Amino acid sequence: MRDLDEGEVRDLLPLLAAGVLPPVEAAATRARVVADAALGEELALLTALRDAHAAVPVLDTARIVAALPSPRVGVSRIAVTRPPAFAPGHAARLHRAARMAAAVAAVAIAGVSAWIGRTMATMPDARPTAPATVASDAGATLRLGLPLEELTDEQLTALEAEIRTLDALPPEAPEPGAAHDVLEMGA
């Protein structure tokens, strides 16, 4: 028999603990367990589990079933009736109700879609028509407004030049005497 790797030995441990492993495989598995302490601990745990399971009483279900009283034939009859879901004509009513519900849902969806479309068409444009300029204490200005797709080539070139002049990282230490802005939330 070839040498077993650790995964194969771990797979065979429950069979070894139960005592159902063929003798050749059992000998090879025991040799690996003796050489590896972790495998030995796992086999000990599986053996203890097997012993604990053996101590649990087994219910003899055949004896319990035999002890049950047998039903007396002819004393009472169970009435077998057709449930209402399978009554004749019920399927047709069910299909008619499903078609009606689908039609109501389609009309509701169409109505909501039309209402949303009409509302969206009458909403004013939320974009600003003129750029807003905000000035700070340091003298820099921030322009807000026109979207990029509405800028001319000259405006885009000027914007690119302005962006290239910006510092990518803040200074490591604040400059002495520089004013620091404080953002107050909820004021």
C-alpha atoms as a PDB file:
ATOM      1  CA  MET A   1       0.000   0.000   0.000  1.00  0.00           C
ATOM      2  CA  ARG A   2       1.250   3.506  -0.780  1.00  0.00           C
ATOM      3  CA  ASP A   3       2.010   6.085   1.899  1.00  0.00           C
ATOM      4  CA  LEU A   4      -0.987   8.151   2.954  1.00  0.00           C
ATOM      5  CA  ASP A   5      -0.849  11.931   3.182  1.00  0.00           C
ATOM      6  CA  GLU A   6      -2.231  13.748   6.219  1.00  0.00           C
ATOM      7  CA  GLY A   7      -5.590  14.561   4.600  1.00  0.00           C
ATOM      8  CA  GLU A   8      -6.190  10.919   3.699  1.00  0.00           C
ATOM      9  CA  VAL A   9      -5.257   9.814   7.229  1.00  0.00           C
ATOM     10  CA  ARG A  10      -7.682  12.368   8.713  1.00  0.00           C
ATOM     11  CA  ASP A  11     -10.420  10.971   6.462  1.00  0.00           C
ATOM     12  CA  LEU A  12      -9.686   7.422   7.687  1.00  0.00           C
ATOM     13  CA  LEU A  13      -9.570   8.281  11.425  1.00  0.00           C
ATOM     14  CA  PRO A  14     -13.343   7.904  12.022  1.00  0.00           C
ATOM     15  CA  LEU A  15     -13.272   4.476  10.372  1.00  0.00           C
ATOM     16  CA  LEU A  16     -10.246   3.485  12.470  1.00  0.00           C
ATOM     17  CA  ALA A  17     -11.982   4.652  15.664  1.00  0.00           C
ATOM     18  CA  ALA A  18     -15.098   2.669  14.728  1.00  0.00           C
ATOM     19  CA  GLY A  19     -12.998  -0.430  14.048  1.00  0.00           C
ATOM     20  CA  VAL A  20     -14.269  -0.941  10.489  1.00  0.00           C
ATOM     21  CA  LEU A  21     -11.070  -0.134   8.570  1.00  0.00           C
ATOM     22  CA  PRO A  22      -9.515  -3.089   6.681  1.00  0.00           C
ATOM     23  CA  PRO A  23      -6.383  -4.448   8.433  1.00  0.00           C
ATOM     24  CA  VAL A  24      -3.830  -3.211   5.857  1.00  0.00           C
ATOM     25  CA  GLU A  25      -5.222   0.344   5.841  1.00  0.00           C
ATOM     26  CA  ALA A  26      -5.644   0.266   9.635  1.00  0.00           C
ATOM     27  CA  ALA A  27      -1.944  -0.595  10.083  1.00  0.00           C
ATOM     28  CA  ALA A  28      -0.812   2.181   7.733  1.00  0.00           C
ATOM     29  CA  THR A  29      -3.126   4.671   9.429  1.00  0.00           C
ATOM     30  CA  ARG A  30      -1.941   3.678  12.928  1.00  0.00           C
ATOM     31  CA  ALA A  31       1.688   4.128  11.820  1.00  0.00           C
ATOM     32  CA  ARG A  32       0.932   7.701  10.708  1.00  0.00           C
ATOM     33  CA  VAL A  33      -1.025   8.394  13.930  1.00  0.00           C
ATOM     34  CA  VAL A  34       1.915   7.243  16.076  1.00  0.00           C
ATOM     35  CA  ALA A  35       4.265   9.544  14.129  1.00  0.00           C
ATOM     36  CA  ASP A  36       2.003  12.639  14.388  1.00  0.00           C
ATOM     37  CA  ALA A  37       0.814  13.874  17.801  1.00  0.00           C
ATOM     38  CA  ALA A  38      -2.028  15.965  16.317  1.00  0.00           C
ATOM     39  CA  LEU A  39      -3.439  12.913  14.543  1.00  0.00           C
ATOM     40  CA  GLY A  40      -3.128  10.967  17.799  1.00  0.00           C
ATOM     41  CA  GLU A  41      -5.159  13.603  19.652  1.00  0.00           C
ATOM     42  CA  GLU A  42      -7.832  13.564  16.935  1.00  0.00           C
ATOM     43  CA  LEU A  43      -8.056   9.743  17.081  1.00  0.00           C
ATOM     44  CA  ALA A  44      -8.359   9.904  20.881  1.00  0.00           C
ATOM     45  CA  LEU A  45     -11.186  12.425  20.553  1.00  0.00           C
ATOM     46  CA  LEU A  46     -13.005  10.276  17.979  1.00  0.00           C
ATOM     47  CA  THR A  47     -12.593   7.182  20.167  1.00  0.00           C
ATOM     48  CA  ALA A  48     -13.992   9.038  23.207  1.00  0.00           C
ATOM     49  CA  LEU A  49     -16.911  10.235  21.078  1.00  0.00           C
ATOM     50  CA  ARG A  50     -17.593   6.679  19.903  1.00  0.00           C
ATOM     51  CA  ASP A  51     -17.525   5.409  23.496  1.00  0.00           C
ATOM     52  CA  ALA A  52     -19.891   8.170  24.651  1.00  0.00           C
ATOM     53  CA  HIS A  53     -22.261   7.382  21.798  1.00  0.00           C
ATOM     54  CA  ALA A  54     -22.220   3.679  22.697  1.00  0.00           C
ATOM     55  CA  ALA A  55     -23.393   4.550  26.222  1.00  0.00           C
ATOM     56  CA  VAL A  56     -26.600   6.163  24.917  1.00  0.00           C
ATOM     57  CA  PRO A  57     -29.538   3.757  25.097  1.00  0.00           C
ATOM     58  CA  VAL A  58     -30.942   2.648  21.763  1.00  0.00           C
ATOM     59  CA  LEU A  59     -34.691   2.708  21.332  1.00  0.00           C
ATOM     60  CA  ASP A  60     -36.183  -0.496  20.021  1.00  0.00           C
ATOM     61  CA  THR A  61     -38.659   1.028  17.602  1.00  0.00           C
ATOM     62  CA  ALA A  62     -39.885  -2.364  16.368  1.00  0.00           C
ATOM     63  CA  ARG A  63     -40.953  -3.294  19.927  1.00  0.00           C
ATOM     64  CA  ILE A  64     -42.641   0.090  20.418  1.00  0.00           C
ATOM     65  CA  VAL A  65     -44.610  -0.222  17.170  1.00  0.00           C
ATOM     66  CA  ALA A  66     -45.642  -3.776  18.035  1.00  0.00           C
ATOM     67  CA  ALA A  67     -46.971  -2.580  21.398  1.00  0.00           C
ATOM     68  CA  LEU A  68     -49.264   0.023  19.816  1.00  0.00           C
ATOM     69  CA  PRO A  69     -52.941  -0.933  19.661  1.00  0.00           C
ATOM     70  CA  SER A  70     -54.037  -1.977  16.197  1.00  0.00           C
ATOM     71  CA  PRO A  71     -56.885  -0.056  14.601  1.00  0.00           C
ATOM     72  CA  ARG A  72     -60.220  -1.841  14.590  1.00  0.00           C
ATOM     73  CA  VAL A  73     -61.599  -2.187  11.126  1.00  0.00           C
ATOM     74  CA  GLY A  74     -65.238  -1.271  10.574  1.00  0.00           C
ATOM     75  CA  VAL A  75     -65.776   0.657  13.811  1.00  0.00           C
ATOM     76  CA  SER A  76     -65.372   4.127  12.380  1.00  0.00           C
ATOM     77  CA  ARG A  77     -64.840   5.398   8.919  1.00  0.00           C
ATOM     78  CA  ILE A  78     -62.931   8.461   7.978  1.00  0.00           C
ATOM     79  CA  ALA A  79     -64.908  10.605   5.612  1.00  0.00           C
ATOM     80  CA  VAL A  80     -62.901  11.389   2.522  1.00  0.00           C
ATOM     81  CA  THR A  81     -64.025  14.622   0.976  1.00  0.00           C
ATOM     82  CA  ARG A  82     -62.589  16.658  -1.807  1.00  0.00           C
ATOM     83  CA  PRO A  83     -60.937  19.835  -0.472  1.00  0.00           C
ATOM     84  CA  PRO A  84     -62.468  23.067  -1.769  1.00  0.00           C
ATOM     85  CA  ALA A  85     -59.303  23.930  -3.712  1.00  0.00           C
ATOM     86  CA  PHE A  86     -59.916  20.961  -6.003  1.00  0.00           C
ATOM     87  CA  ALA A  87     -63.683  21.308  -6.339  1.00  0.00           C
ATOM     88  CA  PRO A  88     -65.002  21.288  -9.934  1.00  0.00           C
ATOM     89  CA  GLY A  89     -64.906  24.751 -11.511  1.00  0.00           C
ATOM     90  CA  HIS A  90     -62.468  26.076  -8.921  1.00  0.00           C
ATOM     91  CA  ALA A  91     -59.535  26.098 -11.349  1.00  0.00           C
ATOM     92  CA  ALA A  92     -61.452  28.256 -13.832  1.00  0.00           C
ATOM     93  CA  ARG A  93     -62.358  30.748 -11.080  1.00  0.00           C
ATOM     94  CA  LEU A  94     -58.738  30.792  -9.907  1.00  0.00           C
ATOM     95  CA  HIS A  95     -57.424  31.498 -13.416  1.00  0.00           C
ATOM     96  CA  ARG A  96     -60.044  34.210 -13.945  1.00  0.00           C
ATOM     97  CA  ALA A  97     -59.012  35.906 -10.662  1.00  0.00           C
ATOM     98  CA  ALA A  98     -55.306  35.698 -11.596  1.00  0.00           C
ATOM     99  CA  ARG A  99     -55.971  37.305 -14.985  1.00  0.00           C
ATOM    100  CA  MET A 100     -57.984  40.064 -13.318  1.00  0.00           C
ATOM    101  CA  ALA A 101     -55.191  40.750 -10.796  1.00  0.00           C
ATOM    102  CA  ALA A 102     -52.597  40.907 -13.608  1.00  0.00           C
ATOM    103  CA  ALA A 103     -54.745  43.385 -15.549  1.00  0.00           C
ATOM    104  CA  VAL A 104     -55.194  45.618 -12.475  1.00  0.00           C
ATOM    105  CA  ALA A 105     -51.440  45.546 -11.816  1.00  0.00           C
ATOM    106  CA  ALA A 106     -50.664  46.473 -15.450  1.00  0.00           C
ATOM    107  CA  VAL A 107     -53.079  49.434 -15.348  1.00  0.00           C
ATOM    108  CA  ALA A 108     -51.605  50.610 -12.025  1.00  0.00           C
ATOM    109  CA  ILE A 109     -48.043  50.422 -13.350  1.00  0.00           C
ATOM    110  CA  ALA A 110     -48.991  52.304 -16.512  1.00  0.00           C
ATOM    111  CA  GLY A 111     -50.734  55.018 -14.484  1.00  0.00           C
ATOM    112  CA  VAL A 112     -47.788  55.499 -12.135  1.00  0.00           C
ATOM    113  CA  SER A 113     -45.369  55.605 -15.097  1.00  0.00           C
ATOM    114  CA  ALA A 114     -47.454  58.257 -16.848  1.00  0.00           C
ATOM    115  CA  TRP A 115     -47.678  60.344 -13.671  1.00  0.00           C
ATOM    116  CA  ILE A 116     -43.895  60.173 -13.134  1.00  0.00           C
ATOM    117  CA  GLY A 117     -43.255  61.092 -16.776  1.00  0.00           C
ATOM    118  CA  ARG A 118     -45.600  64.088 -16.616  1.00  0.00           C
ATOM    119  CA  THR A 119     -44.083  65.231 -13.299  1.00  0.00           C
ATOM    120  CA  MET A 120     -40.528  64.951 -14.618  1.00  0.00           C
ATOM    121  CA  ALA A 121     -41.440  66.909 -17.764  1.00  0.00           C
ATOM    122  CA  THR A 122     -42.888  69.834 -15.781  1.00  0.00           C
ATOM    123  CA  MET A 123     -40.060  70.070 -13.224  1.00  0.00           C
ATOM    124  CA  PRO A 124     -37.814  73.119 -13.595  1.00  0.00           C
ATOM    125  CA  ASP A 125     -34.174  72.547 -14.518  1.00  0.00           C
ATOM    126  CA  ALA A 126     -32.161  72.357 -11.277  1.00  0.00           C
ATOM    127  CA  ARG A 127     -28.860  73.390 -12.891  1.00  0.00           C
ATOM    128  CA  PRO A 128     -27.751  76.975 -12.329  1.00  0.00           C
ATOM    129  CA  THR A 129     -27.880  79.222 -15.367  1.00  0.00           C
ATOM    130  CA  ALA A 130     -25.024  81.481 -14.244  1.00  0.00           C
ATOM    131  CA  PRO A 131     -21.906  80.503 -12.335  1.00  0.00           C
ATOM    132  CA  ALA A 132     -21.714  81.506  -8.690  1.00  0.00           C
ATOM    133  CA  THR A 133     -18.484  82.880  -7.270  1.00  0.00           C
ATOM    134  CA  VAL A 134     -17.470  82.428  -3.648  1.00  0.00           C
ATOM    135  CA  ALA A 135     -14.581  84.462  -2.257  1.00  0.00           C
ATOM    136  CA  SER A 136     -12.547  83.455   0.783  1.00  0.00           C
ATOM    137  CA  ASP A 137     -10.532  85.516   3.267  1.00  0.00           C
ATOM    138  CA  ALA A 138      -7.296  84.402   1.603  1.00  0.00           C
ATOM    139  CA  GLY A 139      -8.330  86.035  -1.651  1.00  0.00           C
ATOM    140  CA  ALA A 140      -8.953  82.826  -3.616  1.00  0.00           C
ATOM    141  CA  THR A 141     -12.210  82.378  -5.465  1.00  0.00           C
ATOM    142  CA  LEU A 142     -14.223  79.278  -6.142  1.00  0.00           C
ATOM    143  CA  ARG A 143     -16.548  79.281  -9.106  1.00  0.00           C
ATOM    144  CA  LEU A 144     -19.551  76.985  -9.101  1.00  0.00           C
ATOM    145  CA  GLY A 145     -22.043  76.574 -11.864  1.00  0.00           C
ATOM    146  CA  LEU A 146     -21.778  75.487 -15.454  1.00  0.00           C
ATOM    147  CA  PRO A 147     -21.312  71.771 -16.047  1.00  0.00           C
ATOM    148  CA  LEU A 148     -18.126  70.725 -17.832  1.00  0.00           C
ATOM    149  CA  GLU A 149     -19.926  69.738 -21.046  1.00  0.00           C
ATOM    150  CA  GLU A 150     -21.127  73.351 -21.472  1.00  0.00           C
ATOM    151  CA  LEU A 151     -17.636  74.905 -21.187  1.00  0.00           C
ATOM    152  CA  THR A 152     -15.902  76.190 -24.294  1.00  0.00           C
ATOM    153  CA  ASP A 153     -12.442  75.009 -25.316  1.00  0.00           C
ATOM    154  CA  GLU A 154     -10.870  78.189 -23.934  1.00  0.00           C
ATOM    155  CA  GLN A 155     -12.656  77.760 -20.589  1.00  0.00           C
ATOM    156  CA  LEU A 156     -11.529  74.117 -20.361  1.00  0.00           C
ATOM    157  CA  THR A 157      -7.922  75.116 -21.107  1.00  0.00           C
ATOM    158  CA  ALA A 158      -8.062  77.816 -18.410  1.00  0.00           C
ATOM    159  CA  LEU A 159      -9.574  75.339 -15.948  1.00  0.00           C
ATOM    160  CA  GLU A 160      -6.836  72.802 -16.679  1.00  0.00           C
ATOM    161  CA  ALA A 161      -4.157  75.462 -16.132  1.00  0.00           C
ATOM    162  CA  GLU A 162      -5.735  76.422 -12.792  1.00  0.00           C
ATOM    163  CA  ILE A 163      -5.867  72.808 -11.661  1.00  0.00           C
ATOM    164  CA  ARG A 164      -2.174  72.318 -12.478  1.00  0.00           C
ATOM    165  CA  THR A 165      -1.267  75.223 -10.157  1.00  0.00           C
ATOM    166  CA  LEU A 166      -2.980  73.608  -7.158  1.00  0.00           C
ATOM    167  CA  ASP A 167      -0.899  71.849  -4.506  1.00  0.00           C
ATOM    168  CA  ALA A 168      -1.693  68.147  -4.347  1.00  0.00           C
ATOM    169  CA  LEU A 169      -0.751  67.804  -0.676  1.00  0.00           C
ATOM    170  CA  PRO A 170      -1.268  70.232   2.220  1.00  0.00           C
ATOM    171  CA  PRO A 171       1.817  71.662   3.938  1.00  0.00           C
ATOM    172  CA  GLU A 172       3.229  69.432   6.672  1.00  0.00           C
ATOM    173  CA  ALA A 173       3.098  72.097   9.379  1.00  0.00           C
ATOM    174  CA  PRO A 174       0.762  75.100   9.463  1.00  0.00           C
ATOM    175  CA  GLU A 175       2.384  78.388   8.648  1.00  0.00           C
ATOM    176  CA  PRO A 176       2.855  80.581  11.731  1.00  0.00           C
ATOM    177  CA  GLY A 177       0.212  83.259  12.006  1.00  0.00           C
ATOM    178  CA  ALA A 178      -2.034  81.705   9.331  1.00  0.00           C
ATOM    179  CA  ALA A 179      -5.750  81.762  10.062  1.00  0.00           C
ATOM    180  CA  HIS A 180      -7.412  78.359  10.322  1.00  0.00           C
ATOM    181  CA  ASP A 181     -10.994  77.848   9.212  1.00  0.00           C
ATOM    182  CA  VAL A 182     -13.360  76.086  11.613  1.00  0.00           C
ATOM    183  CA  LEU A 183     -16.362  74.289  10.210  1.00  0.00           C
ATOM    184  CA  GLU A 184     -19.345  74.425  12.514  1.00  0.00           C
ATOM    185  CA  MET A 185     -22.021  71.829  11.864  1.00  0.00           C
ATOM    186  CA  GLY A 186     -25.674  72.533  12.624  1.00  0.00           C
ATOM    187  CA  ALA A 187     -25.204  76.223  13.331  1.00  0.00           C
END
